[in-house]
Amino acid sequence: MFLPLVVLTAMAAAAVGVFTSAMNVKYRDIRHALPFAIQIWMFLTPLIYPVSFFPQRWRWVLMLNPLSGVIEGFRAAIFGRPFNWNSLAISSAIIIVLLVTSAYSFRRMEQEFADII
């Protein structure tokens, strides 16, 4: 399961990269706000802390982060724990939607790139 998780992570990175690159061309101030947004996203993703630190009733909020299920999947693959297939399916669906949406928005904004640059 390690390789599919790497592919999901790469897809999430591509989705965010494509969207932010298009936004950076159109709105030049994005490059100044992006490091802060990435840092906030890092603290909202369960990298350092496990999902089990959250109460059961608030874990659904954490599952809205597309990388939370992937990170938990990496932990399960490395440490031999059982997979949480629900969170992995939610993360996969969100990542696919983000990738399609970012590709669509990039194609729409791409028509104006030559005029802006």
N, C-alpha and C. Protein backbone atom coordinates (compact mmCIF):
# COMPACT_ATOMS: atom_id res chain seq x y z
N MET A 1 0.82 -1.21 0.00
CA MET A 1 0.00 0.00 0.00
C MET A 1 0.85 1.26 0.00
N PHE A 2 2.16 1.11 0.14
CA PHE A 2 3.01 2.29 0.21
C PHE A 2 3.01 3.07 -1.11
N LEU A 3 3.08 2.37 -2.23
CA LEU A 3 3.13 3.04 -3.54
C LEU A 3 1.83 3.79 -3.87
N PRO A 4 0.63 3.21 -3.65
CA PRO A 4 -0.58 4.00 -3.89
C PRO A 4 -0.68 5.24 -3.00
N LEU A 5 -0.16 5.16 -1.80
CA LEU A 5 -0.17 6.34 -0.91
C LEU A 5 0.77 7.42 -1.43
N VAL A 6 1.90 7.01 -1.98
CA VAL A 6 2.81 7.98 -2.58
C VAL A 6 2.16 8.64 -3.79
N VAL A 7 1.43 7.87 -4.59
CA VAL A 7 0.73 8.42 -5.75
C VAL A 7 -0.34 9.41 -5.30
N LEU A 8 -1.08 9.09 -4.26
CA LEU A 8 -2.09 10.03 -3.73
C LEU A 8 -1.45 11.32 -3.22
N THR A 9 -0.31 11.20 -2.57
CA THR A 9 0.38 12.39 -2.08
C THR A 9 0.87 13.25 -3.25
N ALA A 10 1.39 12.60 -4.28
CA ALA A 10 1.84 13.34 -5.47
C ALA A 10 0.67 14.01 -6.18
N MET A 11 -0.48 13.34 -6.22
CA MET A 11 -1.66 13.94 -6.83
C MET A 11 -2.12 15.16 -6.04
N ALA A 12 -2.08 15.07 -4.72
CA ALA A 12 -2.47 16.22 -3.89
C ALA A 12 -1.49 17.38 -4.09
N ALA A 13 -0.20 17.07 -4.16
CA ALA A 13 0.79 18.12 -4.39
C ALA A 13 0.61 18.75 -5.77
N ALA A 14 0.30 17.93 -6.76
CA ALA A 14 0.07 18.46 -8.10
C ALA A 14 -1.16 19.35 -8.15
N ALA A 15 -2.21 18.94 -7.46
CA ALA A 15 -3.44 19.74 -7.44
C ALA A 15 -3.20 21.10 -6.80
N VAL A 16 -2.53 21.11 -5.67
CA VAL A 16 -2.25 22.37 -5.00
C VAL A 16 -1.26 23.20 -5.81
N GLY A 17 -0.26 22.58 -6.39
CA GLY A 17 0.72 23.29 -7.18
C GLY A 17 0.15 23.92 -8.44
N VAL A 18 -0.71 23.18 -9.14
CA VAL A 18 -1.33 23.71 -10.36
C VAL A 18 -2.24 24.88 -10.02
N PHE A 19 -3.03 24.74 -8.97
CA PHE A 19 -3.95 25.81 -8.60
C PHE A 19 -3.21 27.05 -8.13
N THR A 20 -2.22 26.88 -7.26
CA THR A 20 -1.51 28.05 -6.75
C THR A 20 -0.64 28.70 -7.82
N SER A 21 -0.14 27.93 -8.77
CA SER A 21 0.63 28.55 -9.84
C SER A 21 -0.25 29.42 -10.73
N ALA A 22 -1.45 28.95 -11.01
CA ALA A 22 -2.38 29.76 -11.81
C ALA A 22 -2.81 31.00 -11.03
N MET A 23 -3.04 30.84 -9.75
CA MET A 23 -3.43 32.00 -8.94
C MET A 23 -2.28 32.99 -8.81
N ASN A 24 -1.04 32.49 -8.78
CA ASN A 24 0.12 33.37 -8.66
C ASN A 24 0.32 34.21 -9.91
N VAL A 25 0.00 33.66 -11.08
CA VAL A 25 0.11 34.44 -12.30
C VAL A 25 -0.96 35.52 -12.33
N LYS A 26 -2.16 35.15 -11.93
CA LYS A 26 -3.27 36.11 -12.01
C LYS A 26 -3.21 37.15 -10.89
N TYR A 27 -2.91 36.70 -9.69
CA TYR A 27 -2.84 37.59 -8.52
C TYR A 27 -1.43 37.48 -7.93
N ARG A 28 -0.63 38.48 -8.10
CA ARG A 28 0.79 38.42 -7.72
C ARG A 28 1.02 38.35 -6.21
N ASP A 29 0.05 38.73 -5.41
CA ASP A 29 0.23 38.71 -3.96
C ASP A 29 0.11 37.32 -3.35
N ILE A 30 -0.29 36.36 -4.14
CA ILE A 30 -0.43 34.99 -3.64
C ILE A 30 0.91 34.46 -3.14
N ARG A 31 1.99 34.83 -3.82
CA ARG A 31 3.30 34.30 -3.43
C ARG A 31 3.71 34.74 -2.03
N HIS A 32 3.17 35.84 -1.55
CA HIS A 32 3.49 36.29 -0.20
C HIS A 32 2.63 35.58 0.85
N ALA A 33 1.41 35.23 0.50
CA ALA A 33 0.50 34.57 1.44
C ALA A 33 0.68 33.05 1.46
N LEU A 34 1.25 32.50 0.40
CA LEU A 34 1.36 31.04 0.28
C LEU A 34 2.18 30.38 1.38
N PRO A 35 3.32 30.91 1.79
CA PRO A 35 4.05 30.25 2.89
C PRO A 35 3.25 30.17 4.19
N PHE A 36 2.46 31.21 4.48
CA PHE A 36 1.65 31.17 5.69
C PHE A 36 0.53 30.13 5.57
N ALA A 37 -0.07 30.05 4.40
CA ALA A 37 -1.13 29.06 4.18
C ALA A 37 -0.58 27.64 4.27
N ILE A 38 0.60 27.41 3.74
CA ILE A 38 1.20 26.08 3.80
C ILE A 38 1.54 25.72 5.25
N GLN A 39 2.03 26.68 6.00
CA GLN A 39 2.36 26.40 7.40
C GLN A 39 1.11 26.09 8.21
N ILE A 40 0.04 26.82 7.99
CA ILE A 40 -1.22 26.54 8.69
C ILE A 40 -1.74 25.17 8.30
N TRP A 41 -1.65 24.84 7.00
CA TRP A 41 -2.11 23.53 6.53
C TRP A 41 -1.27 22.42 7.15
N MET A 42 0.03 22.65 7.36
CA MET A 42 0.87 21.64 7.99
C MET A 42 0.42 21.37 9.43
N PHE A 43 0.07 22.43 10.16
CA PHE A 43 -0.36 22.22 11.54
C PHE A 43 -1.75 21.59 11.62
N LEU A 44 -2.57 21.77 10.58
CA LEU A 44 -3.89 21.14 10.57
C LEU A 44 -3.86 19.70 10.07
N THR A 45 -2.74 19.29 9.51
CA THR A 45 -2.58 17.91 9.05
C THR A 45 -1.92 17.10 10.16
N PRO A 46 -2.41 15.90 10.43
CA PRO A 46 -1.85 15.11 11.54
C PRO A 46 -0.49 14.50 11.19
N LEU A 47 0.52 15.36 11.08
CA LEU A 47 1.87 14.87 10.83
C LEU A 47 2.56 14.47 12.12
N ILE A 48 2.55 15.36 13.08
CA ILE A 48 3.25 15.13 14.34
C ILE A 48 2.36 14.37 15.32
N TYR A 49 1.09 14.70 15.31
CA TYR A 49 0.15 14.08 16.25
C TYR A 49 -0.74 13.09 15.50
N PRO A 50 -1.14 12.00 16.14
CA PRO A 50 -2.05 11.05 15.49
C PRO A 50 -3.50 11.54 15.56
N VAL A 51 -4.33 10.96 14.73
CA VAL A 51 -5.75 11.31 14.71
C VAL A 51 -6.42 10.93 16.03
N SER A 52 -5.87 9.96 16.72
CA SER A 52 -6.47 9.51 17.98
C SER A 52 -6.42 10.58 19.07
N PHE A 53 -5.66 11.65 18.91
CA PHE A 53 -5.65 12.74 19.89
C PHE A 53 -6.95 13.52 19.88
N PHE A 54 -7.69 13.45 18.79
CA PHE A 54 -8.95 14.17 18.67
C PHE A 54 -10.08 13.32 19.24
N PRO A 55 -11.07 13.94 19.85
CA PRO A 55 -12.25 13.17 20.28
C PRO A 55 -12.97 12.61 19.06
N GLN A 56 -13.66 11.51 19.26
CA GLN A 56 -14.34 10.82 18.16
C GLN A 56 -15.34 11.71 17.44
N ARG A 57 -16.01 12.58 18.18
CA ARG A 57 -17.03 13.42 17.55
C ARG A 57 -16.45 14.50 16.67
N TRP A 58 -15.13 14.85 16.79
CA TRP A 58 -14.51 15.90 15.98
C TRP A 58 -13.60 15.35 14.89
N ARG A 59 -13.47 14.05 14.77
CA ARG A 59 -12.58 13.49 13.75
C ARG A 59 -13.08 13.69 12.34
N TRP A 60 -14.37 13.91 12.16
CA TRP A 60 -14.90 14.14 10.82
C TRP A 60 -14.37 15.46 10.26
N VAL A 61 -14.10 16.43 11.13
CA VAL A 61 -13.53 17.70 10.67
C VAL A 61 -12.11 17.48 10.16
N LEU A 62 -11.37 16.64 10.84
CA LEU A 62 -10.01 16.33 10.42
C LEU A 62 -10.00 15.56 9.11
N MET A 63 -11.02 14.77 8.86
CA MET A 63 -11.07 14.00 7.61
C MET A 63 -11.35 14.87 6.39
N LEU A 64 -11.76 16.12 6.58
CA LEU A 64 -11.94 17.03 5.46
C LEU A 64 -10.60 17.48 4.87
N ASN A 65 -9.55 17.35 5.65
CA ASN A 65 -8.20 17.63 5.16
C ASN A 65 -7.79 16.44 4.27
N PRO A 66 -7.48 16.68 3.00
CA PRO A 66 -7.21 15.55 2.11
C PRO A 66 -5.98 14.74 2.48
N LEU A 67 -5.04 15.31 3.20
CA LEU A 67 -3.84 14.56 3.54
C LEU A 67 -3.94 13.79 4.85
N SER A 68 -4.97 14.00 5.63
CA SER A 68 -5.05 13.31 6.92
C SER A 68 -5.22 11.80 6.74
N GLY A 69 -6.08 11.40 5.82
CA GLY A 69 -6.24 9.96 5.58
C GLY A 69 -5.00 9.33 4.96
N VAL A 70 -4.31 10.10 4.12
CA VAL A 70 -3.09 9.59 3.49
C VAL A 70 -1.99 9.42 4.53
N ILE A 71 -1.83 10.39 5.41
CA ILE A 71 -0.81 10.30 6.46
C ILE A 71 -1.10 9.12 7.40
N GLU A 72 -2.35 8.96 7.76
CA GLU A 72 -2.71 7.80 8.59
C GLU A 72 -2.47 6.49 7.83
N GLY A 73 -2.68 6.51 6.52
CA GLY A 73 -2.39 5.33 5.72
C GLY A 73 -0.90 5.02 5.71
N PHE A 74 -0.06 6.04 5.62
CA PHE A 74 1.38 5.83 5.71
C PHE A 74 1.76 5.22 7.06
N ARG A 75 1.16 5.73 8.12
CA ARG A 75 1.45 5.17 9.45
C ARG A 75 1.04 3.71 9.54
N ALA A 76 -0.12 3.41 8.98
CA ALA A 76 -0.59 2.02 9.01
C ALA A 76 0.31 1.13 8.16
N ALA A 77 0.77 1.62 7.01
CA ALA A 77 1.63 0.81 6.14
C ALA A 77 3.01 0.58 6.76
N ILE A 78 3.55 1.60 7.40
CA ILE A 78 4.89 1.48 7.96
C ILE A 78 4.90 0.66 9.24
N PHE A 79 3.92 0.89 10.11
CA PHE A 79 3.93 0.24 11.42
C PHE A 79 3.09 -1.03 11.48
N GLY A 80 2.50 -1.43 10.38
CA GLY A 80 1.75 -2.68 10.33
C GLY A 80 0.41 -2.64 11.05
N ARG A 81 -0.17 -1.47 11.15
CA ARG A 81 -1.48 -1.35 11.79
C ARG A 81 -2.58 -1.52 10.74
N PRO A 82 -3.82 -1.75 11.17
CA PRO A 82 -4.91 -1.87 10.19
C PRO A 82 -5.24 -0.50 9.58
N PHE A 83 -5.63 -0.53 8.33
CA PHE A 83 -5.96 0.70 7.61
C PHE A 83 -7.35 1.18 7.98
N ASN A 84 -7.51 2.49 8.02
CA ASN A 84 -8.82 3.11 8.16
C ASN A 84 -9.30 3.41 6.74
N TRP A 85 -10.03 2.47 6.16
CA TRP A 85 -10.40 2.57 4.75
C TRP A 85 -11.38 3.71 4.50
N ASN A 86 -12.19 4.05 5.48
CA ASN A 86 -13.12 5.17 5.29
C ASN A 86 -12.38 6.49 5.11
N SER A 87 -11.42 6.76 5.98
CA SER A 87 -10.67 8.02 5.86
C SER A 87 -9.82 8.03 4.61
N LEU A 88 -9.31 6.88 4.21
CA LEU A 88 -8.52 6.81 2.98
C LEU A 88 -9.39 7.03 1.75
N ALA A 89 -10.61 6.52 1.77
CA ALA A 89 -11.53 6.74 0.65
C ALA A 89 -11.97 8.19 0.57
N ILE A 90 -12.23 8.81 1.73
CA ILE A 90 -12.61 10.23 1.74
C ILE A 90 -11.46 11.08 1.23
N SER A 91 -10.25 10.80 1.70
CA SER A 91 -9.09 11.56 1.24
C SER A 91 -8.86 11.38 -0.25
N SER A 92 -9.02 10.16 -0.75
CA SER A 92 -8.84 9.90 -2.19
C SER A 92 -9.87 10.66 -3.01
N ALA A 93 -11.10 10.65 -2.56
CA ALA A 93 -12.15 11.36 -3.30
C ALA A 93 -11.89 12.87 -3.30
N ILE A 94 -11.49 13.41 -2.17
CA ILE A 94 -11.21 14.85 -2.09
C ILE A 94 -10.02 15.21 -2.97
N ILE A 95 -8.99 14.37 -2.97
CA ILE A 95 -7.81 14.64 -3.80
C ILE A 95 -8.16 14.60 -5.27
N ILE A 96 -8.97 13.64 -5.69
CA ILE A 96 -9.36 13.56 -7.10
C ILE A 96 -10.19 14.77 -7.49
N VAL A 97 -11.11 15.18 -6.63
CA VAL A 97 -11.92 16.37 -6.92
C VAL A 97 -11.03 17.61 -6.98
N LEU A 98 -10.07 17.73 -6.07
CA LEU A 98 -9.16 18.87 -6.09
C LEU A 98 -8.32 18.89 -7.37
N LEU A 99 -7.86 17.72 -7.80
CA LEU A 99 -7.04 17.65 -9.00
C LEU A 99 -7.83 18.05 -10.24
N VAL A 100 -9.04 17.55 -10.35
CA VAL A 100 -9.88 17.89 -11.51
C VAL A 100 -10.25 19.37 -11.47
N THR A 101 -10.61 19.88 -10.30
CA THR A 101 -10.99 21.28 -10.17
C THR A 101 -9.81 22.20 -10.47
N SER A 102 -8.64 21.87 -9.96
CA SER A 102 -7.48 22.72 -10.21
C SER A 102 -7.06 22.68 -11.68
N ALA A 103 -7.16 21.52 -12.32
CA ALA A 103 -6.84 21.45 -13.75
C ALA A 103 -7.84 22.27 -14.56
N TYR A 104 -9.10 22.20 -14.20
CA TYR A 104 -10.12 22.97 -14.90
C TYR A 104 -9.90 24.47 -14.71
N SER A 105 -9.62 24.89 -13.48
CA SER A 105 -9.41 26.32 -13.23
C SER A 105 -8.13 26.80 -13.90
N PHE A 106 -7.11 25.96 -13.97
CA PHE A 106 -5.89 26.34 -14.66
C PHE A 106 -6.15 26.54 -16.15
N ARG A 107 -6.91 25.64 -16.75
CA ARG A 107 -7.23 25.78 -18.18
C ARG A 107 -8.04 27.04 -18.46
N ARG A 108 -8.92 27.39 -17.55
CA ARG A 108 -9.71 28.61 -17.74
C ARG A 108 -8.86 29.86 -17.58
N MET A 109 -7.95 29.86 -16.61
CA MET A 109 -7.10 31.02 -16.38
C MET A 109 -5.96 31.12 -17.39
N GLU A 110 -5.60 29.99 -17.99
CA GLU A 110 -4.49 29.95 -18.93
C GLU A 110 -4.70 30.85 -20.13
N GLN A 111 -5.92 31.06 -20.51
CA GLN A 111 -6.23 31.90 -21.67
C GLN A 111 -5.82 33.35 -21.42
N GLU A 112 -5.77 33.78 -20.18
CA GLU A 112 -5.42 35.15 -19.85
C GLU A 112 -3.95 35.34 -19.48
N PHE A 113 -3.19 34.25 -19.41
CA PHE A 113 -1.80 34.34 -18.95
C PHE A 113 -0.96 35.25 -19.85
N ALA A 114 -1.09 35.13 -21.15
CA ALA A 114 -0.29 35.94 -22.06
C ALA A 114 -0.61 37.42 -21.90
N ASP A 115 -1.85 37.76 -21.64
CA ASP A 115 -2.22 39.16 -21.46
C ASP A 115 -1.65 39.71 -20.14
N ILE A 116 -1.59 38.88 -19.13
CA ILE A 116 -1.14 39.32 -17.82
C ILE A 116 0.39 39.45 -17.79
N ILE A 117 1.05 38.45 -18.36
CA ILE A 117 2.52 38.46 -18.32
C ILE A 117 3.04 39.44 -19.32
